[in-house]
Amino acid sequence: REYASKILPNMSALCGPLVSARLLARVGSRSQLARMPAASLQVLGAGPSLFTHLSSGSDPPKHGIIYQYKGVRHAKRQLRGRVSRVLACQLATAARIDYYRGEPDEEFLRKASEKIAKAGKLL
């Protein structure tokens, strides 16, 4: 947790150090994490569901590892996809800030938290 908070300060502030560390471990490096599109980040860790969707035409997965974030996990069922999409978008931006700057960006964190909270309160 301390390592994730140190090398991914913005991601850790948004979704917690444990989720950040798991995303980093799955991807492999900070540079690959910074280059990853938000849609891929959203379903990272949902491999079996994604392959089932591709082979049989079932519903696509809405979230993978980021389901462990409390905002996604505790969201209403019909809002989980939206919250996970907004969270993935903000995490992708945070990963790029962490990779290129390496320091916390308070203004970004404030705006990103507002967007995530707003996505969870719609409908």
C-alpha atoms as a PDB file:
ATOM      1  CA  ARG A   1       0.000   0.000   0.000  1.00  0.00           C
ATOM      2  CA  GLU A   2       2.787   2.412   0.862  1.00  0.00           C
ATOM      3  CA  TYR A   3       4.557   1.648  -2.408  1.00  0.00           C
ATOM      4  CA  ALA A   4       1.403   2.290  -4.441  1.00  0.00           C
ATOM      5  CA  SER A   5       0.770   5.560  -2.597  1.00  0.00           C
ATOM      6  CA  LYS A   6       4.327   6.643  -3.323  1.00  0.00           C
ATOM      7  CA  ILE A   7       4.527   5.833  -7.038  1.00  0.00           C
ATOM      8  CA  LEU A   8       0.828   6.357  -7.926  1.00  0.00           C
ATOM      9  CA  PRO A   9      -0.253   9.237  -5.664  1.00  0.00           C
ATOM     10  CA  ASN A  10      -3.194  10.447  -7.768  1.00  0.00           C
ATOM     11  CA  MET A  11      -4.572   6.984  -8.522  1.00  0.00           C
ATOM     12  CA  SER A  12      -4.228   6.000  -4.863  1.00  0.00           C
ATOM     13  CA  ALA A  13      -6.058   9.145  -3.789  1.00  0.00           C
ATOM     14  CA  LEU A  14      -8.940   8.413  -6.185  1.00  0.00           C
ATOM     15  CA  CYS A  15      -9.554   4.706  -5.678  1.00  0.00           C
ATOM     16  CA  GLY A  16      -7.316   3.696  -2.794  1.00  0.00           C
ATOM     17  CA  PRO A  17      -3.836   2.202  -2.751  1.00  0.00           C
ATOM     18  CA  LEU A  18      -5.023  -1.411  -2.860  1.00  0.00           C
ATOM     19  CA  VAL A  19      -6.987  -1.042  -6.110  1.00  0.00           C
ATOM     20  CA  SER A  20      -4.138   1.026  -7.591  1.00  0.00           C
ATOM     21  CA  ALA A  21      -1.597  -1.640  -6.658  1.00  0.00           C
ATOM     22  CA  ARG A  22      -3.734  -4.407  -8.172  1.00  0.00           C
ATOM     23  CA  LEU A  23      -4.160  -2.476 -11.417  1.00  0.00           C
ATOM     24  CA  LEU A  24      -0.414  -1.835 -11.577  1.00  0.00           C
ATOM     25  CA  ALA A  25       0.376  -5.482 -10.842  1.00  0.00           C
ATOM     26  CA  ARG A  26      -2.003  -6.661 -13.582  1.00  0.00           C
ATOM     27  CA  VAL A  27      -0.588  -4.263 -16.194  1.00  0.00           C
ATOM     28  CA  GLY A  28       3.069  -4.625 -15.232  1.00  0.00           C
ATOM     29  CA  SER A  29       4.549  -1.123 -15.312  1.00  0.00           C
ATOM     30  CA  ARG A  30       3.648   2.516 -14.832  1.00  0.00           C
ATOM     31  CA  SER A  31       4.432   3.322 -18.460  1.00  0.00           C
ATOM     32  CA  GLN A  32       2.035   0.635 -19.720  1.00  0.00           C
ATOM     33  CA  LEU A  33      -0.590   1.842 -17.245  1.00  0.00           C
ATOM     34  CA  ALA A  34      -0.184   5.425 -18.510  1.00  0.00           C
ATOM     35  CA  ARG A  35      -0.635   4.289 -22.124  1.00  0.00           C
ATOM     36  CA  MET A  36      -3.684   2.143 -21.447  1.00  0.00           C
ATOM     37  CA  PRO A  37      -7.036   3.504 -22.685  1.00  0.00           C
ATOM     38  CA  ALA A  38      -9.821   3.993 -20.153  1.00  0.00           C
ATOM     39  CA  ALA A  39     -12.023   1.298 -21.709  1.00  0.00           C
ATOM     40  CA  SER A  40      -9.296  -1.309 -21.250  1.00  0.00           C
ATOM     41  CA  LEU A  41      -8.649  -0.118 -17.714  1.00  0.00           C
ATOM     42  CA  GLN A  42     -12.357  -0.479 -16.945  1.00  0.00           C
ATOM     43  CA  VAL A  43     -12.520  -4.189 -17.789  1.00  0.00           C
ATOM     44  CA  LEU A  44      -9.012  -5.097 -16.633  1.00  0.00           C
ATOM     45  CA  GLY A  45      -9.369  -8.251 -14.590  1.00  0.00           C
ATOM     46  CA  ALA A  46     -12.682  -9.283 -16.160  1.00  0.00           C
ATOM     47  CA  GLY A  47     -11.084 -11.652 -18.680  1.00  0.00           C
ATOM     48  CA  PRO A  48     -13.414 -14.658 -18.376  1.00  0.00           C
ATOM     49  CA  SER A  49     -16.511 -12.449 -18.665  1.00  0.00           C
ATOM     50  CA  LEU A  50     -15.067 -10.669 -21.675  1.00  0.00           C
ATOM     51  CA  PHE A  51     -14.261 -13.922 -23.482  1.00  0.00           C
ATOM     52  CA  THR A  52     -17.726 -15.286 -22.696  1.00  0.00           C
ATOM     53  CA  HIS A  53     -19.210 -12.113 -24.172  1.00  0.00           C
ATOM     54  CA  LEU A  54     -17.090 -12.376 -27.317  1.00  0.00           C
ATOM     55  CA  SER A  55     -17.770 -16.066 -27.903  1.00  0.00           C
ATOM     56  CA  SER A  56     -21.435 -16.389 -26.956  1.00  0.00           C
ATOM     57  CA  GLY A  57     -22.828 -12.882 -27.324  1.00  0.00           C
ATOM     58  CA  SER A  58     -23.784 -12.444 -23.671  1.00  0.00           C
ATOM     59  CA  ASP A  59     -23.737  -9.039 -22.003  1.00  0.00           C
ATOM     60  CA  PRO A  60     -20.295  -7.385 -21.905  1.00  0.00           C
ATOM     61  CA  PRO A  61     -18.574  -6.914 -18.536  1.00  0.00           C
ATOM     62  CA  LYS A  62     -18.943  -3.472 -16.966  1.00  0.00           C
ATOM     63  CA  HIS A  63     -16.063  -3.655 -14.513  1.00  0.00           C
ATOM     64  CA  GLY A  64     -13.105  -5.748 -13.466  1.00  0.00           C
ATOM     65  CA  ILE A  65     -10.648  -4.857 -10.714  1.00  0.00           C
ATOM     66  CA  ILE A  66     -12.230  -1.433 -10.251  1.00  0.00           C
ATOM     67  CA  TYR A  67     -15.332  -3.161  -8.848  1.00  0.00           C
ATOM     68  CA  GLN A  68     -13.389  -3.296  -5.568  1.00  0.00           C
ATOM     69  CA  TYR A  69     -13.640   0.501  -5.322  1.00  0.00           C
ATOM     70  CA  LYS A  70     -16.418   1.313  -2.860  1.00  0.00           C
ATOM     71  CA  GLY A  71     -18.077   3.816  -5.214  1.00  0.00           C
ATOM     72  CA  VAL A  72     -18.650   1.117  -7.827  1.00  0.00           C
ATOM     73  CA  ARG A  73     -19.374  -1.716  -5.410  1.00  0.00           C
ATOM     74  CA  HIS A  74     -22.004   0.234  -3.449  1.00  0.00           C
ATOM     75  CA  ALA A  75     -23.620   1.942  -6.444  1.00  0.00           C
ATOM     76  CA  LYS A  76     -27.081   0.875  -7.532  1.00  0.00           C
ATOM     77  CA  ARG A  77     -27.041  -1.927 -10.058  1.00  0.00           C
ATOM     78  CA  GLN A  78     -28.230   0.248 -12.942  1.00  0.00           C
ATOM     79  CA  LEU A  79     -25.543   2.870 -12.182  1.00  0.00           C
ATOM     80  CA  ARG A  80     -22.522   0.566 -11.798  1.00  0.00           C
ATOM     81  CA  GLY A  81     -21.619   0.687 -15.475  1.00  0.00           C
ATOM     82  CA  ARG A  82     -21.730   4.471 -15.546  1.00  0.00           C
ATOM     83  CA  VAL A  83     -19.743   4.857 -12.330  1.00  0.00           C
ATOM     84  CA  SER A  84     -17.116   2.355 -13.468  1.00  0.00           C
ATOM     85  CA  ARG A  85     -16.813   4.122 -16.847  1.00  0.00           C
ATOM     86  CA  VAL A  86     -16.315   7.540 -15.214  1.00  0.00           C
ATOM     87  CA  LEU A  87     -13.905   6.072 -12.661  1.00  0.00           C
ATOM     88  CA  ALA A  88     -11.876   4.343 -15.390  1.00  0.00           C
ATOM     89  CA  CYS A  89     -11.648   7.588 -17.343  1.00  0.00           C
ATOM     90  CA  GLN A  90     -10.417   9.490 -14.292  1.00  0.00           C
ATOM     91  CA  LEU A  91      -7.995   6.692 -13.350  1.00  0.00           C
ATOM     92  CA  ALA A  92      -6.506   6.727 -16.856  1.00  0.00           C
ATOM     93  CA  THR A  93      -5.904  10.464 -16.539  1.00  0.00           C
ATOM     94  CA  ALA A  94      -4.499  10.013 -13.023  1.00  0.00           C
ATOM     95  CA  ALA A  95      -2.124   7.294 -14.278  1.00  0.00           C
ATOM     96  CA  ARG A  96      -0.786   9.687 -16.909  1.00  0.00           C
ATOM     97  CA  ILE A  97      -0.322  12.456 -14.350  1.00  0.00           C
ATOM     98  CA  ASP A  98       1.448  10.021 -12.018  1.00  0.00           C
ATOM     99  CA  TYR A  99       3.737   8.772 -14.767  1.00  0.00           C
ATOM    100  CA  TYR A 100       4.716  12.141 -16.243  1.00  0.00           C
ATOM    101  CA  ARG A 101       4.629  14.382 -13.144  1.00  0.00           C
ATOM    102  CA  GLY A 102       4.872  11.992 -10.227  1.00  0.00           C
ATOM    103  CA  GLU A 103       3.252  14.329  -7.696  1.00  0.00           C
ATOM    104  CA  PRO A 104      -0.318  14.726  -6.429  1.00  0.00           C
ATOM    105  CA  ASP A 105      -2.446  17.232  -8.351  1.00  0.00           C
ATOM    106  CA  GLU A 106      -4.988  18.590  -5.878  1.00  0.00           C
ATOM    107  CA  GLU A 107      -7.126  20.393  -8.459  1.00  0.00           C
ATOM    108  CA  PHE A 108      -7.405  17.297 -10.648  1.00  0.00           C
ATOM    109  CA  LEU A 109      -8.264  15.138  -7.622  1.00  0.00           C
ATOM    110  CA  ARG A 110     -11.014  17.532  -6.549  1.00  0.00           C
ATOM    111  CA  LYS A 111     -12.595  17.664 -10.024  1.00  0.00           C
ATOM    112  CA  ALA A 112     -12.268  13.915 -10.571  1.00  0.00           C
ATOM    113  CA  SER A 113     -13.872  13.123  -7.207  1.00  0.00           C
ATOM    114  CA  GLU A 114     -16.778  15.426  -8.061  1.00  0.00           C
ATOM    115  CA  LYS A 115     -17.304  13.699 -11.431  1.00  0.00           C
ATOM    116  CA  ILE A 116     -17.259  10.244  -9.849  1.00  0.00           C
ATOM    117  CA  ALA A 117     -19.676  11.310  -7.110  1.00  0.00           C
ATOM    118  CA  LYS A 118     -21.978  12.924  -9.685  1.00  0.00           C
ATOM    119  CA  ALA A 119     -22.042   9.737 -11.784  1.00  0.00           C
ATOM    120  CA  GLY A 120     -23.123   7.728  -8.737  1.00  0.00           C
ATOM    121  CA  LYS A 121     -25.990  10.063  -7.882  1.00  0.00           C
ATOM    122  CA  LEU A 122     -27.664  10.276 -11.299  1.00  0.00           C
ATOM    123  CA  LEU A 123     -31.159   8.877 -11.949  1.00  0.00           C
END
